[in-house]
Amino acid sequence: MKTVLAATLLLVAPIAAHACAAGDFAIQDVKVSAVGTGVATRLSVKGKLVNNCSAAAAAQVRLDAKDGSGNVLASKVGWPAGTTNVSPGQSVEFDLGRLLHYQSDMQSYSLSVVDVKAW
């Protein structure tokens, strides 16, 4: 039994050592704008997700839209790279604004990495 446990630990240890965390990803070059007019107005929240981990992985990003007082009006999550891993040091561009319905009282936006997965 001890041999099986030791062998299992040796197989799992290298995988665990390369696990990426939310802090291994950075969100850069964020640009927010309202596109269109009237009822056709949509939100654009573009940015770049950078993998600073030593392994390929994907990150889930959360977008919060807030009013002038900082209250969250709407929140959505998305995987900028879909089910594709981003290689170490590489980046992927995204636009998560299309996930939210634009509201005129949206004054500020925050983006954060909330989950990491290797596909």
N, C-alpha and C. Protein backbone atom coordinates (compact mmCIF):
# COMPACT_ATOMS: atom_id res chain seq x y z
N MET A 1 0.82 -1.19 0.00
CA MET A 1 0.00 0.00 0.00
C MET A 1 0.87 1.26 0.00
N LYS A 2 1.96 1.25 0.79
CA LYS A 2 2.84 2.42 0.84
C LYS A 2 3.49 2.67 -0.52
N THR A 3 3.81 1.60 -1.25
CA THR A 3 4.43 1.74 -2.56
C THR A 3 3.47 2.40 -3.54
N VAL A 4 2.21 2.01 -3.51
CA VAL A 4 1.21 2.60 -4.41
C VAL A 4 1.02 4.08 -4.09
N LEU A 5 0.97 4.42 -2.80
CA LEU A 5 0.81 5.82 -2.40
C LEU A 5 2.02 6.64 -2.83
N ALA A 6 3.20 6.13 -2.66
CA ALA A 6 4.42 6.85 -3.06
C ALA A 6 4.46 7.04 -4.57
N ALA A 7 4.09 6.01 -5.31
CA ALA A 7 4.08 6.12 -6.77
C ALA A 7 3.05 7.15 -7.23
N THR A 8 1.90 7.19 -6.58
CA THR A 8 0.86 8.16 -6.92
C THR A 8 1.35 9.58 -6.65
N LEU A 9 2.00 9.79 -5.52
CA LEU A 9 2.53 11.11 -5.19
C LEU A 9 3.58 11.56 -6.20
N LEU A 10 4.42 10.65 -6.65
CA LEU A 10 5.45 10.99 -7.63
C LEU A 10 4.84 11.36 -8.97
N LEU A 11 3.73 10.75 -9.33
CA LEU A 11 3.07 11.07 -10.59
C LEU A 11 2.34 12.41 -10.52
N VAL A 12 1.75 12.73 -9.39
CA VAL A 12 0.96 13.94 -9.24
C VAL A 12 1.83 15.16 -8.94
N ALA A 13 2.94 15.00 -8.25
CA ALA A 13 3.78 16.11 -7.83
C ALA A 13 4.23 17.01 -8.99
N PRO A 14 4.71 16.45 -10.12
CA PRO A 14 5.13 17.33 -11.21
C PRO A 14 3.97 18.15 -11.78
N ILE A 15 2.77 17.59 -11.81
CA ILE A 15 1.61 18.32 -12.32
C ILE A 15 1.27 19.46 -11.37
N ALA A 16 1.26 19.21 -10.08
CA ALA A 16 0.93 20.23 -9.09
C ALA A 16 1.96 21.36 -9.10
N ALA A 17 3.21 21.04 -9.36
CA ALA A 17 4.26 22.06 -9.36
C ALA A 17 4.06 23.06 -10.49
N HIS A 18 3.38 22.70 -11.56
CA HIS A 18 3.19 23.58 -12.71
C HIS A 18 1.79 24.20 -12.74
N ALA A 19 1.01 24.02 -11.68
CA ALA A 19 -0.34 24.58 -11.67
C ALA A 19 -0.27 26.10 -11.66
N CYS A 20 -1.09 26.72 -12.47
CA CYS A 20 -1.14 28.17 -12.54
C CYS A 20 -2.27 28.69 -11.65
N ALA A 21 -2.11 29.90 -11.17
CA ALA A 21 -3.11 30.54 -10.32
C ALA A 21 -3.56 31.85 -10.95
N ALA A 22 -4.62 32.42 -10.41
CA ALA A 22 -5.15 33.68 -10.94
C ALA A 22 -4.09 34.77 -10.97
N GLY A 23 -3.23 34.81 -9.97
CA GLY A 23 -2.18 35.82 -9.91
C GLY A 23 -1.11 35.68 -10.98
N ASP A 24 -1.10 34.55 -11.68
CA ASP A 24 -0.14 34.33 -12.76
C ASP A 24 -0.59 34.97 -14.07
N PHE A 25 -1.79 35.53 -14.09
CA PHE A 25 -2.32 36.17 -15.29
C PHE A 25 -2.46 37.66 -15.04
N ALA A 26 -2.25 38.45 -16.08
CA ALA A 26 -2.41 39.90 -15.99
C ALA A 26 -3.39 40.35 -17.06
N ILE A 27 -4.16 41.37 -16.72
CA ILE A 27 -5.07 42.00 -17.69
C ILE A 27 -4.48 43.36 -18.01
N GLN A 28 -4.24 43.60 -19.30
CA GLN A 28 -3.58 44.83 -19.73
C GLN A 28 -4.38 45.51 -20.84
N ASP A 29 -4.02 46.77 -21.08
CA ASP A 29 -4.54 47.56 -22.20
C ASP A 29 -6.07 47.58 -22.27
N VAL A 30 -6.72 47.81 -21.14
CA VAL A 30 -8.19 47.81 -21.10
C VAL A 30 -8.72 49.12 -21.69
N LYS A 31 -9.68 48.98 -22.59
CA LYS A 31 -10.35 50.12 -23.21
C LYS A 31 -11.85 49.88 -23.16
N VAL A 32 -12.58 50.85 -22.59
CA VAL A 32 -14.03 50.74 -22.45
C VAL A 32 -14.69 51.82 -23.29
N SER A 33 -15.74 51.44 -24.03
CA SER A 33 -16.48 52.43 -24.80
C SER A 33 -17.90 51.93 -25.05
N ALA A 34 -18.78 52.88 -25.29
CA ALA A 34 -20.14 52.56 -25.72
C ALA A 34 -20.17 52.71 -27.23
N VAL A 35 -20.66 51.71 -27.91
CA VAL A 35 -20.67 51.70 -29.37
C VAL A 35 -22.12 51.77 -29.84
N GLY A 36 -22.41 52.67 -30.76
CA GLY A 36 -23.76 52.81 -31.28
C GLY A 36 -24.53 53.89 -30.52
N THR A 37 -25.83 54.01 -30.85
CA THR A 37 -26.67 55.01 -30.21
C THR A 37 -28.05 54.42 -29.90
N GLY A 38 -28.72 55.04 -28.95
CA GLY A 38 -30.08 54.63 -28.59
C GLY A 38 -30.15 53.20 -28.11
N VAL A 39 -31.20 52.50 -28.56
CA VAL A 39 -31.41 51.12 -28.13
C VAL A 39 -30.34 50.18 -28.67
N ALA A 40 -29.67 50.59 -29.72
CA ALA A 40 -28.64 49.74 -30.34
C ALA A 40 -27.27 49.91 -29.67
N THR A 41 -27.20 50.70 -28.60
CA THR A 41 -25.92 50.91 -27.93
C THR A 41 -25.46 49.61 -27.27
N ARG A 42 -24.22 49.28 -27.50
CA ARG A 42 -23.63 48.11 -26.85
C ARG A 42 -22.33 48.53 -26.19
N LEU A 43 -21.92 47.76 -25.23
CA LEU A 43 -20.72 48.04 -24.46
C LEU A 43 -19.54 47.28 -25.05
N SER A 44 -18.40 47.95 -25.12
CA SER A 44 -17.17 47.30 -25.55
C SER A 44 -16.16 47.42 -24.43
N VAL A 45 -15.69 46.30 -23.91
CA VAL A 45 -14.66 46.27 -22.87
C VAL A 45 -13.54 45.37 -23.39
N LYS A 46 -12.60 45.99 -24.07
CA LYS A 46 -11.50 45.26 -24.70
C LYS A 46 -10.28 45.27 -23.80
N GLY A 47 -9.50 44.22 -23.91
CA GLY A 47 -8.27 44.13 -23.15
C GLY A 47 -7.41 42.99 -23.66
N LYS A 48 -6.33 42.75 -22.94
CA LYS A 48 -5.40 41.68 -23.30
C LYS A 48 -5.12 40.88 -22.03
N LEU A 49 -5.28 39.56 -22.12
CA LEU A 49 -4.99 38.65 -21.03
C LEU A 49 -3.63 38.03 -21.28
N VAL A 50 -2.70 38.20 -20.32
CA VAL A 50 -1.32 37.73 -20.48
C VAL A 50 -1.05 36.60 -19.49
N ASN A 51 -0.51 35.49 -19.99
CA ASN A 51 -0.14 34.35 -19.15
C ASN A 51 1.31 34.53 -18.68
N ASN A 52 1.49 34.79 -17.39
CA ASN A 52 2.83 34.90 -16.80
C ASN A 52 3.23 33.64 -16.05
N CYS A 53 2.47 32.57 -16.23
CA CYS A 53 2.75 31.29 -15.57
C CYS A 53 3.79 30.53 -16.40
N SER A 54 4.41 29.56 -15.79
CA SER A 54 5.42 28.77 -16.50
C SER A 54 4.80 27.61 -17.29
N ALA A 55 3.48 27.50 -17.24
CA ALA A 55 2.78 26.44 -17.97
C ALA A 55 1.65 27.05 -18.78
N ALA A 56 1.22 26.34 -19.81
CA ALA A 56 0.09 26.79 -20.61
C ALA A 56 -1.21 26.58 -19.81
N ALA A 57 -2.08 27.58 -19.84
CA ALA A 57 -3.34 27.50 -19.11
C ALA A 57 -4.29 28.56 -19.66
N ALA A 58 -5.53 28.49 -19.24
CA ALA A 58 -6.54 29.48 -19.62
C ALA A 58 -7.07 30.12 -18.34
N ALA A 59 -7.57 31.35 -18.46
CA ALA A 59 -8.08 32.06 -17.29
C ALA A 59 -9.50 32.56 -17.55
N GLN A 60 -10.30 32.52 -16.51
CA GLN A 60 -11.66 33.05 -16.56
C GLN A 60 -11.62 34.47 -15.99
N VAL A 61 -12.20 35.41 -16.71
CA VAL A 61 -12.17 36.81 -16.30
C VAL A 61 -13.58 37.26 -15.92
N ARG A 62 -13.66 38.02 -14.83
CA ARG A 62 -14.93 38.58 -14.37
C ARG A 62 -14.96 40.07 -14.69
N LEU A 63 -16.06 40.51 -15.26
CA LEU A 63 -16.29 41.92 -15.58
C LEU A 63 -17.42 42.43 -14.70
N ASP A 64 -17.15 43.46 -13.92
CA ASP A 64 -18.17 44.12 -13.09
C ASP A 64 -18.39 45.52 -13.63
N ALA A 65 -19.64 45.87 -13.89
CA ALA A 65 -20.02 47.22 -14.29
C ALA A 65 -20.64 47.90 -13.07
N LYS A 66 -20.16 49.10 -12.75
CA LYS A 66 -20.58 49.77 -11.52
C LYS A 66 -21.18 51.15 -11.81
N ASP A 67 -22.06 51.58 -10.90
CA ASP A 67 -22.61 52.93 -11.02
C ASP A 67 -21.64 53.93 -10.39
N GLY A 68 -22.02 55.20 -10.35
CA GLY A 68 -21.15 56.24 -9.82
C GLY A 68 -20.79 56.07 -8.36
N SER A 69 -21.60 55.31 -7.61
CA SER A 69 -21.32 55.07 -6.18
C SER A 69 -20.50 53.80 -5.95
N GLY A 70 -20.19 53.09 -7.01
CA GLY A 70 -19.41 51.86 -6.89
C GLY A 70 -20.24 50.60 -6.70
N ASN A 71 -21.56 50.74 -6.78
CA ASN A 71 -22.44 49.56 -6.67
C ASN A 71 -22.40 48.77 -7.97
N VAL A 72 -22.30 47.45 -7.87
CA VAL A 72 -22.25 46.60 -9.06
C VAL A 72 -23.65 46.51 -9.68
N LEU A 73 -23.76 46.95 -10.93
CA LEU A 73 -25.02 46.90 -11.66
C LEU A 73 -25.17 45.59 -12.42
N ALA A 74 -24.07 45.09 -12.93
CA ALA A 74 -24.08 43.85 -13.71
C ALA A 74 -22.71 43.21 -13.64
N SER A 75 -22.70 41.90 -13.72
CA SER A 75 -21.45 41.16 -13.63
C SER A 75 -21.53 39.94 -14.55
N LYS A 76 -20.48 39.69 -15.28
CA LYS A 76 -20.41 38.52 -16.16
C LYS A 76 -19.01 37.93 -16.11
N VAL A 77 -18.90 36.65 -16.41
CA VAL A 77 -17.60 36.00 -16.51
C VAL A 77 -17.46 35.39 -17.90
N GLY A 78 -16.22 35.30 -18.35
CA GLY A 78 -15.95 34.71 -19.65
C GLY A 78 -14.53 34.18 -19.71
N TRP A 79 -14.30 33.30 -20.64
CA TRP A 79 -12.98 32.72 -20.87
C TRP A 79 -12.44 33.34 -22.15
N PRO A 80 -11.59 34.37 -22.07
CA PRO A 80 -11.10 35.05 -23.27
C PRO A 80 -10.49 34.14 -24.32
N ALA A 81 -9.84 33.06 -23.92
CA ALA A 81 -9.23 32.15 -24.89
C ALA A 81 -10.12 30.93 -25.16
N GLY A 82 -11.34 30.95 -24.61
CA GLY A 82 -12.22 29.80 -24.78
C GLY A 82 -11.61 28.58 -24.12
N THR A 83 -11.63 27.45 -24.80
CA THR A 83 -11.06 26.22 -24.26
C THR A 83 -9.65 25.98 -24.80
N THR A 84 -8.96 27.05 -25.13
CA THR A 84 -7.59 26.96 -25.62
C THR A 84 -6.65 27.50 -24.54
N ASN A 85 -5.61 26.77 -24.24
CA ASN A 85 -4.61 27.24 -23.29
C ASN A 85 -3.77 28.34 -23.92
N VAL A 86 -3.39 29.31 -23.12
CA VAL A 86 -2.50 30.37 -23.55
C VAL A 86 -1.09 29.96 -23.10
N SER A 87 -0.16 29.95 -24.02
CA SER A 87 1.21 29.54 -23.72
C SER A 87 1.88 30.54 -22.78
N PRO A 88 2.88 30.07 -22.03
CA PRO A 88 3.60 30.98 -21.14
C PRO A 88 4.16 32.18 -21.90
N GLY A 89 3.95 33.37 -21.33
CA GLY A 89 4.45 34.59 -21.95
C GLY A 89 3.60 35.12 -23.09
N GLN A 90 2.59 34.38 -23.49
CA GLN A 90 1.73 34.79 -24.59
C GLN A 90 0.49 35.50 -24.07
N SER A 91 -0.26 36.11 -24.98
CA SER A 91 -1.47 36.82 -24.58
C SER A 91 -2.59 36.56 -25.59
N VAL A 92 -3.80 36.91 -25.17
CA VAL A 92 -4.97 36.81 -26.03
C VAL A 92 -5.80 38.06 -25.83
N GLU A 93 -6.26 38.65 -26.92
CA GLU A 93 -7.11 39.84 -26.84
C GLU A 93 -8.55 39.41 -26.66
N PHE A 94 -9.34 40.27 -25.96
CA PHE A 94 -10.74 39.93 -25.72
C PHE A 94 -11.61 41.18 -25.69
N ASP A 95 -12.91 40.96 -25.81
CA ASP A 95 -13.93 42.00 -25.64
C ASP A 95 -15.07 41.36 -24.88
N LEU A 96 -15.14 41.60 -23.57
CA LEU A 96 -16.20 41.02 -22.74
C LEU A 96 -17.43 41.91 -22.67
N GLY A 97 -17.37 43.10 -23.22
CA GLY A 97 -18.50 44.01 -23.16
C GLY A 97 -19.76 43.46 -23.78
N ARG A 98 -19.62 42.65 -24.80
CA ARG A 98 -20.79 42.09 -25.48
C ARG A 98 -21.62 41.20 -24.57
N LEU A 99 -21.06 40.79 -23.42
CA LEU A 99 -21.80 39.95 -22.48
C LEU A 99 -22.79 40.76 -21.63
N LEU A 100 -22.59 42.08 -21.56
CA LEU A 100 -23.44 42.94 -20.74
C LEU A 100 -24.35 43.80 -21.61
N HIS A 101 -25.54 44.06 -21.11
CA HIS A 101 -26.43 45.02 -21.76
C HIS A 101 -26.06 46.40 -21.24
N TYR A 102 -25.78 47.32 -22.12
CA TYR A 102 -25.37 48.66 -21.73
C TYR A 102 -26.48 49.37 -20.97
N GLN A 103 -26.10 50.04 -19.87
CA GLN A 103 -27.01 50.87 -19.10
C GLN A 103 -26.36 52.24 -18.95
N SER A 104 -27.13 53.30 -19.11
CA SER A 104 -26.56 54.64 -19.08
C SER A 104 -25.94 55.00 -17.74
N ASP A 105 -26.33 54.35 -16.64
CA ASP A 105 -25.75 54.68 -15.34
C ASP A 105 -24.48 53.88 -15.03
N MET A 106 -23.98 53.09 -15.96
CA MET A 106 -22.70 52.40 -15.79
C MET A 106 -21.59 53.44 -15.89
N GLN A 107 -20.83 53.60 -14.80
CA GLN A 107 -19.79 54.63 -14.75
C GLN A 107 -18.37 54.08 -14.70
N SER A 108 -18.20 52.90 -14.12
CA SER A 108 -16.86 52.32 -14.03
C SER A 108 -16.95 50.80 -14.19
N TYR A 109 -15.80 50.22 -14.50
CA TYR A 109 -15.74 48.80 -14.78
C TYR A 109 -14.49 48.21 -14.14
N SER A 110 -14.61 46.97 -13.66
CA SER A 110 -13.43 46.30 -13.13
C SER A 110 -13.34 44.91 -13.74
N LEU A 111 -12.12 44.50 -14.00
CA LEU A 111 -11.84 43.18 -14.56
C LEU A 111 -10.91 42.45 -13.61
N SER A 112 -11.18 41.17 -13.37
CA SER A 112 -10.32 40.38 -12.50
C SER A 112 -10.30 38.93 -12.99
N VAL A 113 -9.19 38.25 -12.75
CA VAL A 113 -9.08 36.83 -13.07
C VAL A 113 -9.64 36.06 -11.88
N VAL A 114 -10.65 35.21 -12.13
CA VAL A 114 -11.32 34.51 -11.04
C VAL A 114 -11.11 33.01 -11.04
N ASP A 115 -10.59 32.45 -12.13
CA ASP A 115 -10.36 31.00 -12.19
C ASP A 115 -9.31 30.72 -13.25
N VAL A 116 -8.61 29.64 -13.07
CA VAL A 116 -7.58 29.20 -14.02
C VAL A 116 -7.76 27.72 -14.25
N LYS A 117 -7.61 27.31 -15.50
CA LYS A 117 -7.77 25.89 -15.84
C LYS A 117 -6.83 25.56 -16.99
N ALA A 118 -6.29 24.37 -16.96
CA ALA A 118 -5.51 23.85 -18.10
C ALA A 118 -6.42 22.86 -18.83
N TRP A 119 -6.68 23.14 -20.11
CA TRP A 119 -7.60 22.30 -20.89
C TRP A 119 -6.88 21.10 -21.46
